[in-house]
Protein backbone atom coordinates (compact mmCIF):
# COMPACT_ATOMS: atom_id res chain seq x y z
CA MET A 1 0.00 0.00 0.00
CA ILE A 2 1.45 3.36 -1.03
CA PRO A 3 1.72 5.89 1.84
CA LYS A 4 -0.57 8.89 1.27
CA HIS A 5 2.31 11.25 2.12
CA VAL A 6 4.13 9.92 -0.95
CA ASP A 7 1.08 10.32 -3.21
CA ALA A 8 0.63 13.89 -2.04
CA LEU A 9 4.12 14.85 -3.22
CA VAL A 10 3.95 13.30 -6.73
CA GLY A 11 4.60 15.97 -9.33
CA ARG A 12 6.27 18.23 -6.77
CA THR A 13 9.22 16.73 -4.90
CA VAL A 14 8.52 13.08 -5.78
CA THR A 15 8.42 11.77 -9.36
CA LYS A 16 5.93 9.18 -10.65
CA ARG A 17 8.84 6.78 -11.14
CA GLN A 18 9.80 7.15 -7.49
CA ARG A 19 6.20 6.70 -6.42
CA ASP A 20 5.92 3.49 -8.46
CA LEU A 21 9.13 2.14 -6.92
CA VAL A 22 7.82 2.79 -3.41
CA GLU A 23 4.63 0.90 -4.29
CA LEU A 24 6.61 -1.90 -5.95
CA TRP A 25 8.81 -2.44 -2.90
CA SER A 26 6.06 -1.93 -0.31
CA GLY A 27 5.95 -5.04 1.87
CA VAL A 28 8.89 -6.65 0.07
CA GLY A 29 11.97 -7.62 2.09
CA ALA A 30 15.31 -7.04 0.36
CA ARG A 31 17.84 -9.83 0.67
CA SER A 32 21.28 -10.48 -0.75
CA LYS A 33 22.09 -13.85 -2.24
CA GLY A 34 25.74 -13.35 -1.41
CA GLY A 35 25.24 -12.40 2.24
CA TYR A 36 25.57 -8.82 3.51
CA HIS A 37 25.54 -6.11 0.88
CA SER A 38 24.96 -2.42 1.56
CA GLU A 39 22.66 -2.00 -1.46
CA TYR A 40 20.19 -4.53 -0.10
CA TYR A 41 20.53 -3.10 3.38
CA VAL A 42 19.77 0.47 2.32
CA ILE A 43 16.70 -0.66 0.34
CA ARG A 44 15.46 -2.66 3.29
CA GLU A 45 15.87 0.30 5.65
CA LEU A 46 14.17 2.67 3.20
CA VAL A 47 11.22 0.33 2.71
CA GLN A 48 10.94 0.04 6.48
CA GLY A 49 11.04 3.83 6.72
CA PHE A 50 8.20 4.27 4.24
CA SER A 51 6.12 1.79 6.24
CA LEU A 52 6.59 3.92 9.37
CA LEU A 53 5.32 7.17 7.87
CA PRO A 54 2.45 8.78 9.78
CA ASP A 55 -1.10 8.52 8.55
CA VAL A 56 -2.38 11.75 7.00
CA LYS A 57 -4.73 12.18 9.96
CA GLU A 58 -2.02 11.42 12.54
CA ASP A 59 -0.52 14.11 14.76
CA VAL A 60 2.84 14.75 13.07
CA GLY A 61 4.27 16.30 16.24
CA ALA A 62 3.52 13.12 18.18
CA TRP A 63 5.11 11.12 15.33
CA TRP A 64 8.31 13.16 15.67
CA LEU A 65 8.36 12.51 19.41
CA PHE A 66 7.91 8.76 18.94
CA HIS A 67 10.68 8.45 16.36
CA SER A 68 13.15 10.74 18.19
CA ASP A 69 12.76 9.38 21.71
CA ARG A 70 14.20 5.88 21.45
CA ARG A 71 13.74 5.01 25.12
CA GLY A 72 12.08 1.62 25.52
CA LYS A 73 11.79 0.98 21.77
CA GLU A 74 13.26 -1.68 19.51
CA HIS A 75 15.46 -0.73 16.56
CA ASP A 76 12.87 -1.52 13.90
CA GLU A 77 10.10 0.47 15.62
CA CYS A 78 11.63 3.80 14.63
CA VAL A 79 12.71 5.38 11.34
CA ASN A 80 16.42 4.87 10.67
CA PHE A 81 17.60 8.37 9.74
CA HIS A 82 21.16 7.11 9.33
CA VAL A 83 20.04 5.81 5.93
CA LEU A 84 20.12 9.42 4.68
CA ILE A 85 23.80 9.95 5.55
CA ASP A 86 26.05 9.94 2.52
CA GLY A 87 28.32 6.90 2.64
CA HIS A 88 26.71 5.37 5.72
CA TYR A 89 24.52 2.99 3.72
CA SER A 90 25.75 3.18 0.12
CA ALA A 91 23.12 3.20 -2.64
CA GLU A 92 24.41 2.80 -6.19
CA SER A 93 21.52 1.23 -8.11
CA GLU A 94 18.75 3.29 -9.68
CA THR A 95 16.28 1.75 -7.25
CA GLY A 96 18.34 2.57 -4.18
CA LEU A 97 19.09 6.14 -5.28
CA LEU A 98 15.54 6.96 -6.30
CA LEU A 99 14.06 5.46 -3.13
CA LYS A 100 16.51 7.43 -0.99
CA ASP A 101 15.66 10.71 -2.74
CA ALA A 102 11.95 10.03 -2.39
CA PHE A 103 12.34 9.19 1.28
CA ARG A 104 14.27 12.42 1.89
CA ALA A 105 11.53 14.39 0.11
CA VAL A 106 8.79 12.82 2.23
CA MET A 107 10.76 13.43 5.44
CA ALA A 108 11.23 17.08 4.42
CA SER A 109 7.45 17.43 4.07
CA LEU A 110 7.10 16.43 7.73
CA VAL A 111 9.60 19.01 9.03
CA PRO A 112 6.94 21.76 9.46
CA GLY A 113 5.23 19.45 11.97
CA ILE A 114 8.21 19.41 14.35
CA PRO A 115 6.85 20.39 17.79
CA ASP A 116 8.14 23.35 19.77
CA ALA A 117 9.15 23.09 23.44
CA PRO A 118 5.68 23.77 24.97
CA ALA A 119 4.00 21.26 22.64
CA LEU A 120 6.64 18.63 23.38
CA LEU A 121 6.28 19.14 27.13
CA GLY A 122 2.52 18.71 26.78
CA MET A 123 2.96 15.43 24.91
CA LEU A 124 5.43 14.10 27.49
CA GLU A 125 3.04 15.03 30.29
CA ALA A 126 0.20 13.28 28.45
CA GLN A 127 2.36 10.13 28.27
CA GLN A 128 2.80 10.26 32.03
CA ARG A 129 -0.96 10.57 32.59
CA GLU A 130 -1.45 7.33 30.65
CA LEU A 131 0.68 5.44 33.17
CA PRO A 132 -0.62 3.90 36.40
CA GLU A 133 -0.70 6.56 39.10
CA ASP A 134 2.13 5.03 41.12
CA GLU A 135 4.43 5.09 38.06
CA ARG A 136 3.85 8.71 37.07
CA ARG A 137 6.54 11.36 37.53
CA GLN A 138 7.20 14.95 36.60
CA VAL A 139 8.77 15.55 33.24
CA ALA A 140 12.33 16.90 33.48
CA LEU A 141 13.65 19.88 31.53
CA SER A 142 16.53 17.71 30.28
CA GLU A 143 14.01 15.39 28.58
CA VAL A 144 12.47 18.26 26.65
CA VAL A 145 15.86 19.72 25.65
CA GLY A 146 17.35 16.33 24.79
CA ILE A 147 14.45 15.23 22.59
CA LEU A 148 14.28 18.59 20.82
CA ASN A 149 17.97 18.20 19.95
CA GLU A 150 17.44 14.60 18.84
CA ILE A 151 14.78 15.93 16.48
CA GLU A 152 17.19 18.58 15.23
CA TRP A 153 19.78 15.89 14.53
CA ARG A 154 17.17 14.17 12.36
CA ARG A 155 16.33 17.43 10.61
CA ASP A 156 20.04 17.76 9.78
CA ARG A 157 20.03 14.31 8.15
CA ILE A 158 17.04 15.32 6.04
CA GLU A 159 18.46 18.65 4.94
CA SER A 160 21.96 17.38 4.20
CA SER A 161 23.60 14.05 3.39
CA ASP A 162 26.76 15.23 5.17
CA ARG A 163 27.17 13.33 8.45
CA ALA A 164 29.05 16.32 9.93
CA ARG A 165 26.15 18.74 9.41
CA VAL A 166 25.16 20.43 12.69
CA GLY A 167 22.40 22.98 12.35
CA LYS A 168 20.19 24.40 15.06
CA ARG A 169 20.55 23.15 18.62
CA HIS A 170 18.37 24.07 21.59
CA GLY A 171 20.15 25.45 24.66
CA VAL A 172 18.85 24.52 28.10
CA SER A 173 18.32 28.13 29.15
CA ASP A 174 16.52 28.95 25.90
CA VAL A 175 14.11 26.03 26.31
CA HIS A 176 13.55 26.89 29.96
CA ALA A 177 12.75 30.50 29.00
CA GLU A 178 10.41 29.36 26.21
CA LEU A 179 8.46 27.13 28.58
CA SER A 180 8.29 29.83 31.26
CA HIS A 181 7.13 32.41 28.70
CA ALA A 182 4.29 30.02 27.81
CA GLY A 183 3.32 29.89 31.51
CA LEU A 184 4.55 26.32 31.95
CA GLU A 185 6.46 25.65 35.18
CA ASP A 186 5.38 22.14 36.20
CA PHE A 187 8.61 20.34 35.32
CA ILE A 188 11.85 19.43 37.08
CA VAL A 189 14.68 21.86 36.38
CA ASP A 190 17.54 19.36 36.19
CA CYS A 191 19.89 21.27 33.85
CA GLY A 192 20.94 24.82 33.06
CA HIS A 193 23.87 27.18 32.55
CA VAL A 194 26.47 27.57 35.28
CA ARG A 195 26.14 31.23 36.27
CA ASP A 196 27.95 31.47 39.61
CA ALA A 197 28.82 29.60 42.80
CA ALA A 198 25.67 30.66 44.68
CA GLN A 199 23.44 29.15 42.00
CA MET A 200 25.41 25.91 41.94
CA ARG A 201 25.37 25.59 45.73
CA CYS A 202 21.58 25.49 45.50
CA VAL A 203 21.72 22.96 42.67
CA ILE A 204 24.10 20.69 44.58
CA LYS A 205 21.97 21.02 47.73
CA GLU A 206 18.98 19.76 45.73
CA PHE A 207 20.59 17.03 43.62
CA GLY A 208 23.81 16.16 45.49
CA GLN A 209 26.30 13.90 43.74
CA ARG A 210 24.08 13.60 40.68
CA VAL A 211 25.25 16.99 39.38
CA ARG A 212 27.59 16.95 36.38
CA ALA A 213 29.23 19.57 34.18
CA CYS A 214 29.32 19.17 30.42
CA VAL A 215 32.69 17.89 29.22
CA GLU A 216 32.76 20.29 26.27
CA SER A 217 34.84 23.40 26.95
CA GLY A 218 32.48 25.52 24.85
CA CYS A 219 29.39 24.45 26.81
CA ASP A 220 28.55 26.00 30.20
CA ASN A 221 25.84 23.50 31.11
CA TRP A 222 25.26 21.62 34.31
CA PHE A 223 22.87 18.69 34.38
CA VAL A 224 21.78 15.81 36.59
CA VAL A 225 22.36 12.10 36.03
CA ASP A 226 20.32 9.22 37.41
CA GLU A 227 21.34 7.71 40.72
CA ASP A 228 22.75 4.61 39.04
CA LYS A 229 25.16 6.79 37.01
CA VAL A 230 26.72 8.49 40.03
CA PRO A 231 29.54 5.92 40.43
CA TYR A 232 30.58 6.34 36.79
CA ASP A 233 32.66 9.49 36.53
CA TRP A 234 33.09 9.00 32.78
CA TYR A 235 29.35 9.52 32.19
CA SER A 236 28.54 12.93 30.74
CA ARG A 237 25.53 13.17 28.44
CA CYS A 238 24.68 16.85 28.15
CA PRO A 239 21.09 17.54 26.98
CA GLY A 240 22.08 20.88 25.47
CA CYS A 241 24.80 19.66 23.12
CA THR A 242 24.08 15.91 23.38
CA THR A 243 27.74 15.26 23.99
CA ASP A 244 28.87 12.11 25.72
CA GLY A 245 32.62 12.11 26.27
CA PRO A 246 35.12 10.63 28.68
CA LYS A 247 36.65 12.51 31.57
CA GLY A 248 40.44 12.72 31.43
CA ILE A 249 42.22 11.25 34.44
CA PHE A 250 45.59 10.05 33.20
CA ILE A 251 47.93 11.33 30.53
CA GLY A 252 49.13 8.88 27.92
CA GLY A 253 47.86 6.04 25.81
CA GLY A 254 49.14 4.74 22.49
CA SER A 255 49.57 7.58 20.05
CA ASP A 256 51.71 8.73 17.15
CA LYS A 257 51.85 12.20 18.72
CA SER A 258 54.98 13.49 20.39
CA ARG A 259 55.08 12.99 24.15
CA GLU A 260 55.05 16.76 24.58
CA GLN A 261 51.77 16.95 22.65
CA VAL A 262 50.40 14.07 24.73
CA LEU A 263 51.26 16.10 27.84
CA VAL A 264 49.45 19.18 26.49
CA ASP A 265 46.42 17.08 25.54
CA GLY A 266 46.37 15.56 29.02
CA VAL A 267 46.26 18.96 30.70
CA ARG A 268 43.49 20.00 28.33
CA GLU A 269 41.51 16.88 29.30
CA TRP A 270 41.68 17.84 32.98
CA THR A 271 40.25 21.31 32.51
CA GLU A 272 38.41 21.23 29.19
CA LYS A 273 36.72 17.83 29.33
CA SER A 274 35.81 17.29 32.95
CA ILE A 275 32.54 16.64 34.76
CA ASP A 276 33.85 18.72 37.68
CA VAL A 277 31.34 21.57 38.19
CA SER A 278 33.92 23.64 40.06
CA ILE A 279 35.80 24.20 36.79
CA LYS A 280 32.72 25.77 35.19
CA VAL A 281 32.21 27.84 38.35
CA ALA A 282 35.83 29.00 38.24
CA LEU A 283 35.35 30.11 34.64
CA ALA A 284 32.08 31.87 35.44
CA GLU A 285 33.42 33.63 38.55
CA GLY A 286 36.86 34.44 37.15
CA THR A 287 38.55 32.67 40.04
CA THR A 288 40.72 29.57 40.48
CA ILE A 289 39.41 26.01 40.55
CA ARG A 290 40.55 25.60 44.16
CA HIS A 291 38.75 28.75 45.25
CA ALA A 292 35.66 27.72 43.28
CA ARG A 293 35.56 24.48 45.27
CA GLU A 294 35.72 26.46 48.48
CA LEU A 295 32.88 28.69 47.27
CA LEU A 296 30.79 25.61 46.45
CA ASN A 297 31.51 24.11 49.87
CA GLY A 298 30.57 27.39 51.54
CA ASP A 299 33.87 27.62 53.42
CA ALA A 300 35.71 30.22 51.31
CA ASP A 301 37.37 32.89 53.43
CA LYS A 302 38.28 35.11 50.48
CA THR A 303 36.40 36.97 47.79
CA VAL A 304 37.25 36.34 44.15
CA GLU A 305 39.26 39.56 44.06
CA GLU A 306 41.24 38.49 47.12
CA ALA A 307 41.79 34.96 45.78
CA ILE A 308 43.38 36.13 42.51
CA ARG A 309 45.05 39.32 43.77
CA ASP A 310 48.58 37.90 43.86
CA LEU A 311 48.24 35.71 40.76
CA LYS A 312 49.75 36.62 37.40
CA THR A 313 49.11 35.91 33.75
CA CYS A 314 51.14 32.98 32.42
CA PRO A 315 54.17 34.18 30.43
CA ILE A 316 53.70 31.43 27.80
CA ALA A 317 49.92 31.89 27.44
CA GLY A 318 50.30 33.25 23.91
CA GLU A 319 52.01 30.09 22.66
CA CYS A 320 50.00 27.58 24.71
CA LYS A 321 47.42 25.70 22.63
CA THR A 322 44.91 25.26 25.45
CA LEU A 323 41.72 26.96 26.61
CA CYS A 324 43.75 28.32 29.52
CA GLY A 325 46.18 30.03 27.16
CA ALA A 326 43.44 31.27 24.82
CA LEU A 327 41.41 32.88 27.61
CA GLN A 328 44.42 34.78 28.95
CA THR A 329 45.61 35.81 25.50
CA GLY A 330 42.12 37.01 24.57
CA GLY A 331 41.83 39.06 27.75
CA LEU A 332 38.94 36.95 29.09
CA ARG A 333 40.91 35.84 32.14
CA ALA A 334 43.75 37.52 33.98
CA VAL A 335 45.03 34.30 35.58
CA PRO A 336 45.45 30.66 34.48
CA ILE A 337 42.61 28.16 34.78
CA ALA A 338 44.51 24.91 34.14
CA PRO A 339 46.41 24.71 37.48
CA ALA A 340 43.91 24.42 40.33
CA ASP A 341 45.69 27.07 42.40
CA GLY A 342 45.86 29.54 39.49
CA LYS A 343 49.66 29.78 39.68
CA TYR A 344 51.27 29.35 36.29
CA GLY A 345 54.29 27.80 38.00
CA SER A 346 52.05 24.89 39.03
CA CYS A 347 51.02 24.13 35.46
CA HIS A 348 52.46 20.90 34.07
CA ILE A 349 52.93 22.46 30.63
CA TYR A 350 54.79 25.47 31.99
CA ARG A 351 57.00 23.36 34.25
CA PHE A 352 57.86 20.96 31.45
CA ARG A 353 58.79 23.74 29.06
CA SER A 354 60.90 25.38 31.72
CA MET A 355 62.86 22.23 32.48
CA ALA A 356 63.20 21.30 28.78
CA ASP A 357 64.22 24.79 27.65
CA GLY A 358 66.97 24.44 25.07
CA VAL A 359 66.57 20.66 24.84
CA GLU A 360 65.36 19.19 21.55
CA GLY A 361 64.88 15.86 19.80
CA GLU A 362 65.06 12.57 21.67
CA GLU A 363 66.26 14.17 24.90
CA ARG A 364 63.18 16.42 25.00
CA GLU A 365 60.95 13.42 24.37
CA SER A 366 62.68 11.54 27.18
CA VAL A 367 62.04 14.38 29.62
CA ALA A 368 58.37 14.50 28.55
CA THR A 369 58.01 10.73 28.88
CA GLU A 370 59.40 10.67 32.42
CA TYR A 371 57.37 13.71 33.40
CA ILE A 372 54.16 12.08 32.14
CA ARG A 373 54.98 8.89 34.08
CA GLN A 374 55.40 10.78 37.33
CA ILE A 375 52.26 12.87 36.75
CA ASN A 376 50.25 9.69 36.26
CA GLU A 377 51.70 8.14 39.38
CA GLY A 378 50.76 11.26 41.31
CA ALA A 379 47.22 11.05 39.90
CA ARG A 380 46.90 7.40 40.96
CA SER A 381 48.15 8.25 44.44
CA ALA A 382 45.65 11.12 44.71
CA MET A 383 42.79 8.86 43.64
CA ARG A 384 43.75 6.22 46.20
CA GLN A 385 43.86 8.90 48.87
CA ALA A 386 40.49 10.29 47.76
CA ARG A 387 38.90 6.84 48.08
CA MET A 388 40.19 6.47 51.63
CA LEU A 389 39.26 9.95 52.80
CA ALA A 390 36.11 10.84 50.86
CA PRO A 391 34.73 8.17 48.50
CA GLU A 392 31.73 10.31 47.60
CA ALA A 393 33.96 13.04 46.18
CA GLU A 394 35.08 10.91 43.24
CA ALA A 395 31.78 11.27 41.42
CA ARG A 396 32.07 15.04 41.15
CA THR A 397 35.74 15.98 41.46
CA ASP A 398 38.73 15.15 39.31
CA ALA A 399 41.39 14.47 41.93
CA SER A 400 44.22 14.52 39.40
CA ALA A 401 43.55 18.15 38.52
CA ASP A 402 44.46 19.33 42.00
CA THR A 403 47.67 17.39 42.56
CA GLU A 404 51.00 19.08 43.16
CA PRO A 405 53.26 19.27 40.08
CA ALA A 406 55.45 16.24 39.61
CA GLU A 407 59.21 16.50 39.98
CA VAL A 408 61.21 14.89 37.18
CA THR A 409 64.12 13.29 38.97
CA VAL A 410 66.00 12.32 35.80
CA GLN A 411 66.31 15.85 34.46
CA ALA A 412 69.74 16.51 36.03
CA SER A 413 71.33 13.66 34.12
CA MET A 414 69.98 14.97 30.85
CA PHE A 415 71.47 18.45 30.94
């Protein structure tokens, strides 16, 4: 049976030949005689996609919600938008190419039905009302933001075959403001932008160890994870940028990079890809990470001005390829962010370059290698100490970022 959405587009964005192919393949399973073959796979996924199109009388907004919120659904219950990515499922035959173009055209016709934030919240609340009373819960802001961005990812696949295409994304504060402007407040605020320490103290008081910071340096979001995710300090799925990345703890790993570059990347991991909320607070307040932690704990005995009064801009900031260097060079920060105490002399990159000044080639690599080894050992020692003294701190604080700089004991023999 030909979907009515396809018939409606014939003569506009769908040709009669494409329409006939959709009808021909409707209900037919594609198989390869020689085993797996991408051409058969793409046709199968496209045919499945056509079968999942909404009825002309169906609420298109609800259809977008169903096919963008994969929670509790099997793979074949939802449209596979990956089929529209160039090179993901290759189509070379006339049938495959024409079906893919027709499918993209039909998907594009459904884009105007994408729900806005208030409509999506209403649908999620309606889903909760359908549950038994003892299973109902308030909808969380992160659900609304996350699903809106999942929909936007699908819009990107429709509008471009480039897998790298990133168009519109919904920020947590923007969605919150849109819902509030519509007079909607009955939802859990479990994400937002990190504004200052006072705000985050309230957030931590409400959600405790469940609070995370986004691991992307360009994202200022905080959000809350489920209780079962608290022990996993690598978990960071930000609803605003839908990023899920690891938290850097140790420097190293197999790489064809120089050991000096590995060292720089390791320092960047600590400050630019960490779930530690105090780093975002330090950036927002213009203070050090150590002082930000004191502000969050409520035991700071200094103001921000007092905490950074004796600190200085790093002399190698202009040549340091890190966020720390860029912020100082651009005049956005007067003091370093990478070392927890804000002293450039405590920075691993600065200390390495000072000790390796004038040393090149294999000797420089040897100094970097030994320095990295001792940094990692210090990180392991700090983590062991953190487990003994405060196990609960591991879920929200990167212990390795606050360790004292390592001393490279072999340096004397190299100079």
